[in-house]
N, C-alpha and C. Protein backbone atom coordinates (compact mmCIF):
# COMPACT_ATOMS: atom_id res chain seq x y z
N MET A 1 0.81 -1.19 -0.04
CA MET A 1 0.01 0.04 0.03
C MET A 1 0.93 1.32 0.07
N ASN A 2 0.44 2.23 -0.74
CA ASN A 2 1.24 3.50 -0.81
C ASN A 2 0.34 4.67 -0.33
N LEU A 3 0.95 5.78 -0.12
CA LEU A 3 0.23 6.92 0.41
C LEU A 3 -0.89 7.36 -0.46
N HIS A 4 -0.65 7.29 -1.81
CA HIS A 4 -1.78 7.69 -2.76
C HIS A 4 -2.99 6.77 -2.71
N GLN A 5 -2.82 5.53 -2.16
CA GLN A 5 -3.97 4.64 -2.08
C GLN A 5 -4.72 4.67 -0.78
N LEU A 6 -4.29 5.49 0.17
CA LEU A 6 -4.92 5.76 1.47
C LEU A 6 -6.22 6.55 1.31
N SER A 7 -7.33 6.09 1.93
CA SER A 7 -8.52 6.99 1.93
C SER A 7 -9.06 7.06 3.36
N ALA A 8 -9.73 8.04 3.67
CA ALA A 8 -10.40 8.30 4.96
C ALA A 8 -11.41 7.26 5.20
N PRO A 9 -11.54 6.76 6.47
CA PRO A 9 -12.62 5.74 6.83
C PRO A 9 -14.05 6.32 6.53
N ALA A 10 -14.93 5.47 6.38
CA ALA A 10 -16.26 5.86 6.10
C ALA A 10 -16.86 6.74 7.22
N ARG A 11 -17.59 7.80 6.79
CA ARG A 11 -18.23 8.74 7.79
C ARG A 11 -17.25 9.47 8.67
N SER A 12 -16.03 9.52 8.29
CA SER A 12 -15.03 10.23 9.13
C SER A 12 -14.87 11.67 8.78
N LYS A 13 -15.29 12.11 7.64
CA LYS A 13 -15.14 13.51 7.15
C LYS A 13 -16.38 14.23 7.58
N HIS A 14 -16.24 15.34 8.18
CA HIS A 14 -17.35 16.10 8.69
C HIS A 14 -17.33 17.52 8.05
N ARG A 15 -18.46 18.03 7.77
CA ARG A 15 -18.55 19.41 7.33
C ARG A 15 -18.18 20.35 8.43
N LYS A 16 -17.71 21.58 7.98
CA LYS A 16 -17.45 22.60 9.07
C LYS A 16 -18.73 23.02 9.66
N LYS A 17 -18.70 23.24 10.94
CA LYS A 17 -19.87 23.64 11.72
C LYS A 17 -20.14 25.22 11.48
N ARG A 18 -21.18 25.56 10.76
CA ARG A 18 -21.42 26.94 10.51
C ARG A 18 -22.37 27.48 11.62
N VAL A 19 -21.86 28.21 12.54
CA VAL A 19 -22.66 28.71 13.65
C VAL A 19 -23.21 30.04 13.41
N GLY A 20 -24.36 30.37 14.16
CA GLY A 20 -24.81 31.74 14.03
C GLY A 20 -25.47 32.08 12.72
N ARG A 21 -26.19 31.05 12.10
CA ARG A 21 -26.86 31.29 10.79
C ARG A 21 -28.26 31.07 10.86
N GLY A 22 -28.84 31.63 11.85
CA GLY A 22 -30.31 31.59 11.96
C GLY A 22 -30.90 30.49 12.88
N GLN A 23 -32.04 30.72 13.43
CA GLN A 23 -32.64 29.74 14.35
C GLN A 23 -32.97 28.37 13.84
N GLY A 24 -33.33 28.36 12.52
CA GLY A 24 -33.68 27.07 11.92
C GLY A 24 -32.43 26.11 11.77
N SER A 25 -31.26 26.63 11.88
CA SER A 25 -30.05 25.74 11.82
C SER A 25 -29.76 24.91 13.04
N GLY A 26 -30.35 25.37 14.12
CA GLY A 26 -30.11 24.75 15.43
C GLY A 26 -29.05 25.23 16.14
N ARG A 27 -28.17 26.10 15.43
CA ARG A 27 -27.06 26.73 16.12
C ARG A 27 -27.06 28.23 15.86
N GLY A 28 -28.25 28.90 15.89
CA GLY A 28 -28.35 30.18 15.72
C GLY A 28 -28.26 31.00 17.02
N LYS A 29 -28.66 32.25 17.07
CA LYS A 29 -28.63 33.07 18.23
C LYS A 29 -27.28 33.09 18.95
N THR A 30 -27.28 32.14 19.93
CA THR A 30 -25.97 32.17 20.80
C THR A 30 -24.87 31.25 20.22
N ALA A 31 -25.17 30.69 19.18
CA ALA A 31 -24.16 29.91 18.37
C ALA A 31 -23.38 28.87 19.17
N GLY A 32 -24.17 28.13 19.99
CA GLY A 32 -23.61 26.99 20.78
C GLY A 32 -22.73 27.36 21.94
N ARG A 33 -22.81 28.77 22.34
CA ARG A 33 -21.97 29.19 23.42
C ARG A 33 -22.86 29.33 24.70
N GLY A 34 -24.09 29.10 24.63
CA GLY A 34 -24.94 29.25 25.91
C GLY A 34 -25.22 30.74 26.06
N GLY A 35 -25.84 31.10 27.20
CA GLY A 35 -26.29 32.50 27.40
C GLY A 35 -25.33 33.08 28.40
N LYS A 36 -24.81 34.31 27.95
CA LYS A 36 -23.92 35.12 28.82
C LYS A 36 -22.70 34.33 29.40
N GLY A 37 -21.99 35.00 30.28
CA GLY A 37 -20.94 34.41 31.00
C GLY A 37 -19.53 34.58 30.31
N GLN A 38 -18.45 34.35 30.96
CA GLN A 38 -17.17 34.59 30.40
C GLN A 38 -16.96 33.72 29.10
N LYS A 39 -17.39 32.57 29.14
CA LYS A 39 -17.15 31.74 27.93
C LYS A 39 -17.92 32.01 26.72
N ALA A 40 -18.87 32.88 26.91
CA ALA A 40 -19.73 33.40 25.79
C ALA A 40 -19.07 34.45 24.97
N ARG A 41 -18.19 35.19 25.66
CA ARG A 41 -17.61 36.35 25.12
C ARG A 41 -16.45 36.01 24.09
N THR A 42 -16.24 36.99 23.23
CA THR A 42 -15.24 36.81 22.13
C THR A 42 -13.89 37.24 22.82
N GLY A 43 -12.92 36.74 22.14
CA GLY A 43 -11.52 37.22 22.46
C GLY A 43 -11.07 36.81 23.78
N ASN A 44 -11.38 35.57 24.36
CA ASN A 44 -10.99 35.27 25.65
C ASN A 44 -10.45 33.79 25.79
N MET A 45 -9.47 33.60 26.58
CA MET A 45 -8.89 32.32 26.90
C MET A 45 -8.48 31.47 25.67
N HIS A 46 -8.08 32.16 24.68
CA HIS A 46 -7.70 31.36 23.43
C HIS A 46 -6.19 31.25 23.26
N PHE A 47 -5.47 31.84 24.18
CA PHE A 47 -4.00 31.76 23.91
C PHE A 47 -3.34 30.64 24.73
N GLU A 48 -2.19 30.12 24.21
CA GLU A 48 -1.59 29.00 24.88
C GLU A 48 -0.98 29.43 26.14
N GLY A 49 -1.13 28.63 27.24
CA GLY A 49 -0.64 28.93 28.51
C GLY A 49 -1.58 29.61 29.32
N PHE A 50 -2.77 29.99 28.88
CA PHE A 50 -3.78 30.69 29.81
C PHE A 50 -4.26 29.79 30.96
N GLU A 51 -4.12 30.27 32.10
CA GLU A 51 -4.48 29.48 33.39
C GLU A 51 -5.62 30.09 34.14
N GLY A 52 -6.52 30.66 33.45
CA GLY A 52 -7.79 31.10 33.97
C GLY A 52 -7.54 32.50 34.91
N GLY A 53 -6.52 33.20 34.48
CA GLY A 53 -6.17 34.43 35.32
C GLY A 53 -5.15 34.25 36.28
N GLN A 54 -4.88 33.05 36.69
CA GLN A 54 -3.62 32.76 37.55
C GLN A 54 -2.48 32.98 36.78
N MET A 55 -1.37 33.46 37.39
CA MET A 55 -0.12 33.80 36.73
C MET A 55 0.39 32.52 35.98
N PRO A 56 0.48 32.54 34.68
CA PRO A 56 0.90 31.31 33.89
C PRO A 56 2.23 30.81 34.32
N LEU A 57 2.56 29.54 34.12
CA LEU A 57 3.80 28.93 34.42
C LEU A 57 4.97 29.63 33.67
N GLN A 58 4.79 30.01 32.49
CA GLN A 58 5.85 30.52 31.72
C GLN A 58 6.33 31.90 32.17
N ARG A 59 5.44 32.55 32.94
CA ARG A 59 5.72 33.86 33.58
C ARG A 59 6.12 33.73 34.96
N ARG A 60 5.86 32.54 35.67
CA ARG A 60 6.22 32.33 37.02
C ARG A 60 7.80 31.95 37.11
N LEU A 61 8.24 31.32 36.00
CA LEU A 61 9.62 30.81 36.03
C LEU A 61 10.59 31.87 35.54
N PRO A 62 11.84 31.83 36.06
CA PRO A 62 12.69 32.92 35.71
C PRO A 62 13.33 32.65 34.27
N LYS A 63 13.68 33.78 33.65
CA LYS A 63 14.37 33.66 32.33
C LYS A 63 15.79 33.09 32.58
N PHE A 64 16.31 32.38 31.57
CA PHE A 64 17.65 31.91 31.65
C PHE A 64 18.26 31.71 30.40
N GLY A 65 19.62 31.58 30.37
CA GLY A 65 20.29 31.33 29.12
C GLY A 65 20.61 32.52 28.28
N PHE A 66 21.44 32.25 27.34
CA PHE A 66 21.80 33.32 26.41
C PHE A 66 22.51 32.69 25.19
N THR A 67 22.11 33.18 23.99
CA THR A 67 22.81 32.72 22.67
C THR A 67 23.61 33.87 22.05
N SER A 68 24.80 33.68 21.99
CA SER A 68 25.69 34.75 21.44
C SER A 68 25.36 35.05 19.96
N PRO A 69 25.11 36.23 19.55
CA PRO A 69 24.88 36.48 18.04
C PRO A 69 26.16 36.28 17.25
N ASN A 70 27.38 36.19 17.99
CA ASN A 70 28.66 36.13 17.29
C ASN A 70 29.22 34.58 17.35
N ARG A 71 28.31 33.66 17.75
CA ARG A 71 28.87 32.35 17.98
C ARG A 71 29.30 31.67 16.66
N ILE A 72 30.31 30.82 16.70
CA ILE A 72 30.83 30.13 15.50
C ILE A 72 30.35 28.72 15.56
N GLU A 73 29.64 28.27 14.50
CA GLU A 73 29.09 26.96 14.48
C GLU A 73 29.88 26.00 13.50
N TYR A 74 30.60 25.03 13.98
CA TYR A 74 31.40 24.26 13.03
C TYR A 74 30.57 22.97 12.59
N ALA A 75 30.85 22.55 11.28
CA ALA A 75 30.40 21.37 10.77
C ALA A 75 31.39 20.30 11.30
N ILE A 76 30.75 19.24 11.90
CA ILE A 76 31.54 18.26 12.53
C ILE A 76 31.77 16.96 11.67
N VAL A 77 33.00 16.47 11.68
CA VAL A 77 33.25 15.29 10.94
C VAL A 77 34.19 14.37 11.82
N ASN A 78 33.91 13.15 12.03
CA ASN A 78 34.62 12.20 12.87
C ASN A 78 35.67 11.46 12.00
N LEU A 79 36.71 10.86 12.71
CA LEU A 79 37.69 10.17 12.01
C LEU A 79 37.22 8.96 11.20
N GLN A 80 36.18 8.29 11.81
CA GLN A 80 35.56 7.08 11.13
C GLN A 80 34.98 7.42 9.78
N ASP A 81 34.53 8.70 9.61
CA ASP A 81 34.01 9.16 8.35
C ASP A 81 35.05 9.37 7.33
N LEU A 82 36.22 9.58 7.69
CA LEU A 82 37.41 9.86 6.71
C LEU A 82 37.97 8.58 6.18
N ASN A 83 37.56 7.33 6.67
CA ASN A 83 38.03 6.12 6.18
C ASN A 83 37.51 5.79 4.74
N ARG A 84 36.43 6.46 4.32
CA ARG A 84 35.78 6.13 2.98
C ARG A 84 36.65 6.76 1.91
N PHE A 85 37.59 7.71 2.19
CA PHE A 85 38.46 8.30 1.20
C PHE A 85 39.65 7.47 0.88
N ASP A 86 40.14 7.48 -0.35
CA ASP A 86 41.28 6.73 -0.82
C ASP A 86 42.56 7.25 -0.09
N ALA A 87 43.58 6.31 0.09
CA ALA A 87 44.73 6.71 0.68
C ALA A 87 45.47 7.80 -0.08
N GLY A 88 46.10 8.75 0.59
CA GLY A 88 46.66 9.82 -0.17
C GLY A 88 45.81 10.96 -0.56
N ALA A 89 44.57 10.91 -0.35
CA ALA A 89 43.59 11.96 -0.84
C ALA A 89 43.72 13.20 0.07
N VAL A 90 43.42 14.34 -0.52
CA VAL A 90 43.34 15.53 0.19
C VAL A 90 41.87 15.84 0.60
N VAL A 91 41.67 15.84 1.83
CA VAL A 91 40.18 15.87 2.35
C VAL A 91 40.02 17.30 2.82
N ASP A 92 39.09 18.07 2.19
CA ASP A 92 38.72 19.41 2.65
C ASP A 92 37.18 19.51 2.69
N GLU A 93 36.69 20.73 3.02
CA GLU A 93 35.29 20.83 3.21
C GLU A 93 34.57 20.59 1.83
N ALA A 94 35.05 21.11 0.71
CA ALA A 94 34.48 20.79 -0.64
C ALA A 94 34.29 19.39 -0.88
N LEU A 95 35.24 18.59 -0.66
CA LEU A 95 35.14 17.13 -0.87
C LEU A 95 34.17 16.54 0.05
N LEU A 96 34.14 16.89 1.29
CA LEU A 96 33.13 16.35 2.16
C LEU A 96 31.76 16.70 1.88
N ARG A 97 31.58 17.89 1.34
CA ARG A 97 30.17 18.29 0.88
C ARG A 97 29.80 17.52 -0.31
N GLU A 98 30.71 17.23 -1.19
CA GLU A 98 30.43 16.50 -2.37
C GLU A 98 30.02 15.07 -2.05
N ARG A 99 30.64 14.48 -0.97
CA ARG A 99 30.26 13.12 -0.57
C ARG A 99 29.03 13.09 0.41
N GLY A 100 28.60 14.27 0.72
CA GLY A 100 27.41 14.27 1.67
C GLY A 100 27.66 14.16 3.07
N LEU A 101 28.97 14.36 3.46
CA LEU A 101 29.27 14.31 4.92
C LEU A 101 29.08 15.57 5.66
N VAL A 102 29.07 16.63 4.84
CA VAL A 102 28.77 18.03 5.45
C VAL A 102 27.63 18.57 4.73
N LYS A 103 26.72 19.01 5.43
CA LYS A 103 25.42 19.63 4.86
C LYS A 103 25.15 20.92 5.58
N GLY A 104 24.42 21.84 4.89
CA GLY A 104 23.90 23.09 5.50
C GLY A 104 25.04 24.07 5.54
N SER A 105 24.76 25.32 5.98
CA SER A 105 25.83 26.37 6.04
C SER A 105 26.23 26.39 7.46
N ARG A 106 27.66 26.36 7.58
CA ARG A 106 28.36 26.43 8.89
C ARG A 106 29.45 27.37 8.61
N ASP A 107 30.06 27.79 9.83
CA ASP A 107 31.07 28.72 9.79
C ASP A 107 32.45 28.14 9.52
N GLY A 108 32.62 26.83 9.77
CA GLY A 108 33.85 26.21 9.63
C GLY A 108 33.74 24.66 9.63
N LEU A 109 34.85 23.98 9.67
CA LEU A 109 34.91 22.57 9.73
C LEU A 109 35.76 22.09 10.85
N LYS A 110 35.37 21.12 11.66
CA LYS A 110 36.08 20.68 12.75
C LYS A 110 36.09 19.22 12.67
N VAL A 111 37.30 18.61 12.93
CA VAL A 111 37.54 17.06 12.85
C VAL A 111 37.73 16.55 14.25
N LEU A 112 36.80 15.62 14.64
CA LEU A 112 36.83 15.04 15.99
C LEU A 112 37.44 13.63 15.94
N GLY A 113 37.82 13.17 17.07
CA GLY A 113 38.51 11.86 17.15
C GLY A 113 37.66 10.66 17.35
N ASP A 114 36.39 10.51 17.00
CA ASP A 114 35.55 9.41 17.19
C ASP A 114 36.00 8.37 16.11
N GLY A 115 36.28 7.19 16.54
CA GLY A 115 36.58 6.11 15.58
C GLY A 115 38.07 6.03 15.36
N ALA A 116 38.37 5.15 14.31
CA ALA A 116 39.83 4.97 14.11
C ALA A 116 40.09 5.30 12.65
N LEU A 117 41.30 5.74 12.30
CA LEU A 117 41.63 6.10 10.98
C LEU A 117 42.80 5.18 10.55
N SER A 118 42.64 4.61 9.34
CA SER A 118 43.64 3.55 8.96
C SER A 118 44.26 3.98 7.64
N LYS A 119 43.97 5.16 7.17
CA LYS A 119 44.61 5.52 5.83
C LYS A 119 45.40 6.91 6.01
N LYS A 120 46.35 6.98 5.17
CA LYS A 120 47.21 8.23 5.22
C LYS A 120 46.50 9.24 4.35
N LEU A 121 46.08 10.30 5.01
CA LEU A 121 45.30 11.36 4.36
C LEU A 121 45.89 12.77 4.73
N THR A 122 45.69 13.66 3.77
CA THR A 122 45.95 15.08 4.09
C THR A 122 44.59 15.73 4.39
N VAL A 123 44.46 16.20 5.64
CA VAL A 123 43.14 16.75 6.02
C VAL A 123 43.32 18.29 6.23
N ARG A 124 42.45 19.01 5.54
CA ARG A 124 42.33 20.50 5.67
C ARG A 124 41.06 20.93 6.48
N ALA A 125 41.21 21.54 7.54
CA ALA A 125 40.06 21.91 8.35
C ALA A 125 40.41 23.15 9.19
N ASN A 126 39.42 23.77 9.74
CA ASN A 126 39.66 24.88 10.64
C ASN A 126 40.05 24.55 12.02
N LYS A 127 39.55 23.32 12.51
CA LYS A 127 39.98 22.97 13.92
C LYS A 127 40.06 21.50 13.96
N PHE A 128 40.92 20.98 14.84
CA PHE A 128 41.05 19.57 15.04
C PHE A 128 41.09 19.26 16.55
N SER A 129 40.47 18.22 17.02
CA SER A 129 40.50 17.88 18.36
C SER A 129 41.87 17.30 18.51
N ALA A 130 42.44 17.25 19.85
CA ALA A 130 43.79 16.63 20.07
C ALA A 130 43.85 15.14 19.66
N LYS A 131 42.80 14.47 20.01
CA LYS A 131 42.71 12.98 19.57
C LYS A 131 42.76 12.84 18.12
N ALA A 132 42.02 13.66 17.37
CA ALA A 132 41.96 13.49 15.93
C ALA A 132 43.37 13.92 15.32
N ARG A 133 44.02 14.91 15.84
CA ARG A 133 45.27 15.41 15.38
C ARG A 133 46.31 14.19 15.51
N GLN A 134 46.27 13.56 16.70
CA GLN A 134 47.21 12.50 16.99
C GLN A 134 46.90 11.30 16.09
N ALA A 135 45.67 10.93 15.83
CA ALA A 135 45.31 9.76 15.09
C ALA A 135 45.70 10.01 13.60
N ILE A 136 45.56 11.20 13.10
CA ILE A 136 45.81 11.45 11.61
C ILE A 136 47.37 11.33 11.50
N GLU A 137 48.06 11.92 12.41
CA GLU A 137 49.61 11.84 12.30
C GLU A 137 50.14 10.53 12.53
N ALA A 138 49.40 9.71 13.49
CA ALA A 138 49.85 8.31 13.63
C ALA A 138 49.62 7.42 12.42
N ALA A 139 48.70 7.75 11.64
CA ALA A 139 48.32 7.01 10.44
C ALA A 139 49.30 7.44 9.33
N GLY A 140 50.18 8.43 9.49
CA GLY A 140 51.12 8.80 8.52
C GLY A 140 50.52 10.03 7.67
N GLY A 141 49.34 10.54 8.04
CA GLY A 141 48.80 11.64 7.37
C GLY A 141 49.29 12.99 7.88
N THR A 142 48.84 14.03 7.15
CA THR A 142 49.27 15.44 7.49
C THR A 142 48.04 16.27 7.73
N ILE A 143 48.18 17.23 8.60
CA ILE A 143 47.09 18.14 8.98
C ILE A 143 47.42 19.51 8.51
N GLU A 144 46.43 20.20 7.77
CA GLU A 144 46.56 21.58 7.39
C GLU A 144 45.50 22.33 8.09
N GLU A 145 45.84 23.22 9.03
CA GLU A 145 44.82 23.90 9.81
C GLU A 145 44.65 25.29 9.01
N ILE A 146 43.32 25.52 8.63
CA ILE A 146 43.02 26.66 7.82
C ILE A 146 42.50 27.77 8.82
N ALA A 147 43.02 29.03 8.77
CA ALA A 147 42.57 30.06 9.62
C ALA A 147 41.13 30.33 9.28
N LEU A 148 40.24 30.66 10.35
CA LEU A 148 38.85 30.92 10.16
C LEU A 148 38.69 32.33 9.81
N VAL A 149 38.23 32.62 8.61
CA VAL A 149 38.04 33.97 8.13
C VAL A 149 36.55 34.24 8.01
N SER A 150 35.97 35.18 8.80
CA SER A 150 34.60 35.49 8.76
C SER A 150 34.22 36.46 7.71
N HIS A 151 35.19 37.20 7.19
CA HIS A 151 34.96 38.07 6.09
C HIS A 151 36.30 38.26 5.33
N ARG A 152 36.14 38.74 4.17
CA ARG A 152 37.26 38.96 3.29
C ARG A 152 38.08 40.22 3.75
N PRO A 153 39.39 40.17 3.84
CA PRO A 153 40.19 41.33 4.38
C PRO A 153 39.99 42.58 3.50
N GLU A 154 39.66 42.46 2.22
CA GLU A 154 39.42 43.65 1.38
C GLU A 154 38.04 44.27 1.75
N ALA A 155 37.18 43.46 2.21
CA ALA A 155 35.81 43.98 2.62
C ALA A 155 36.03 44.89 3.89
N ALA A 156 36.90 44.43 4.82
CA ALA A 156 37.12 45.20 6.11
C ALA A 156 37.82 46.53 5.57
N ALA A 157 38.75 46.46 4.76
CA ALA A 157 39.53 47.70 4.41
C ALA A 157 38.57 48.63 3.74
N LYS A 158 37.66 48.16 2.93
CA LYS A 158 36.62 48.98 2.21
C LYS A 158 35.64 49.66 3.20
N ALA A 159 35.31 48.78 4.26
CA ALA A 159 34.37 49.37 5.27
C ALA A 159 34.94 50.39 6.06
N HIS A 160 36.19 50.29 6.37
CA HIS A 160 36.83 51.39 7.25
C HIS A 160 37.31 52.45 6.36
N SER A 161 37.52 52.26 5.09
CA SER A 161 37.86 53.26 4.06
C SER A 161 38.99 54.23 4.63
N GLY A 162 40.08 53.73 4.99
CA GLY A 162 41.19 54.61 5.35
C GLY A 162 41.18 55.15 6.79
N LYS A 163 40.22 54.61 7.58
CA LYS A 163 40.11 55.10 8.98
C LYS A 163 41.06 54.36 9.84
N GLY A 164 42.35 54.27 9.47
CA GLY A 164 43.39 53.62 10.31
C GLY A 164 43.64 52.15 9.76
N ALA A 165 42.82 51.82 8.82
CA ALA A 165 43.07 50.38 8.29
C ALA A 165 44.31 50.38 7.39
N ARG A 166 45.04 49.25 7.55
CA ARG A 166 46.30 49.16 6.79
C ARG A 166 45.98 48.53 5.54
N PRO A 167 46.73 48.83 4.44
CA PRO A 167 46.39 48.18 3.20
C PRO A 167 47.04 46.65 3.27
N ALA A 168 46.39 45.76 2.65
CA ALA A 168 46.84 44.37 2.58
C ALA A 168 48.11 44.29 1.83
N GLY A 169 49.06 43.41 2.17
CA GLY A 169 50.31 43.26 1.56
C GLY A 169 51.41 43.28 2.55
N PRO A 170 52.72 43.59 2.00
CA PRO A 170 53.79 43.58 2.91
C PRO A 170 53.72 44.68 3.82
N ALA A 171 54.13 44.48 5.10
CA ALA A 171 54.11 45.45 6.19
C ALA A 171 54.97 46.61 5.81
N ALA A 172 54.50 47.87 5.96
CA ALA A 172 55.27 49.07 5.66
C ALA A 172 56.07 49.41 6.91
N SER A 173 57.25 49.79 6.69
CA SER A 173 58.06 50.13 7.81
C SER A 173 58.32 51.60 8.03
């Protein structure tokens, strides 16, 4: 059976209840709300967390936590994931994305030491855990740590437009 073959059980589909459409309908006048009282009024008790006027739980509990707007979120790759590459391969973020190991937009790439590595690889990433670094070098591979750049240097120079920003290139003495 497939999704397109499914159908609703007999008599399970109901028409929308149209209230307040005259006395003959059986739901005219007070429209099924009874006469007067708080529950008969509009715009009341419809929001999530309403506790009948008592201070709701989400307001009784203190606020907590903080998420930094400048946080850096790394794409995580474990050593066991690197075993699928051929020996001598240069593994970087582009190759990992191509193979489906890294998805979505992240600020950088971090290699963690979960699992074992049995092949000699050149791994390029922004960060390595101590265990991952040790394991890659123990397998005869090399590590290339790429500096994390959140923006292009020329963009910063343009933004500051000569307000103390030094031009890119050899240091002037």
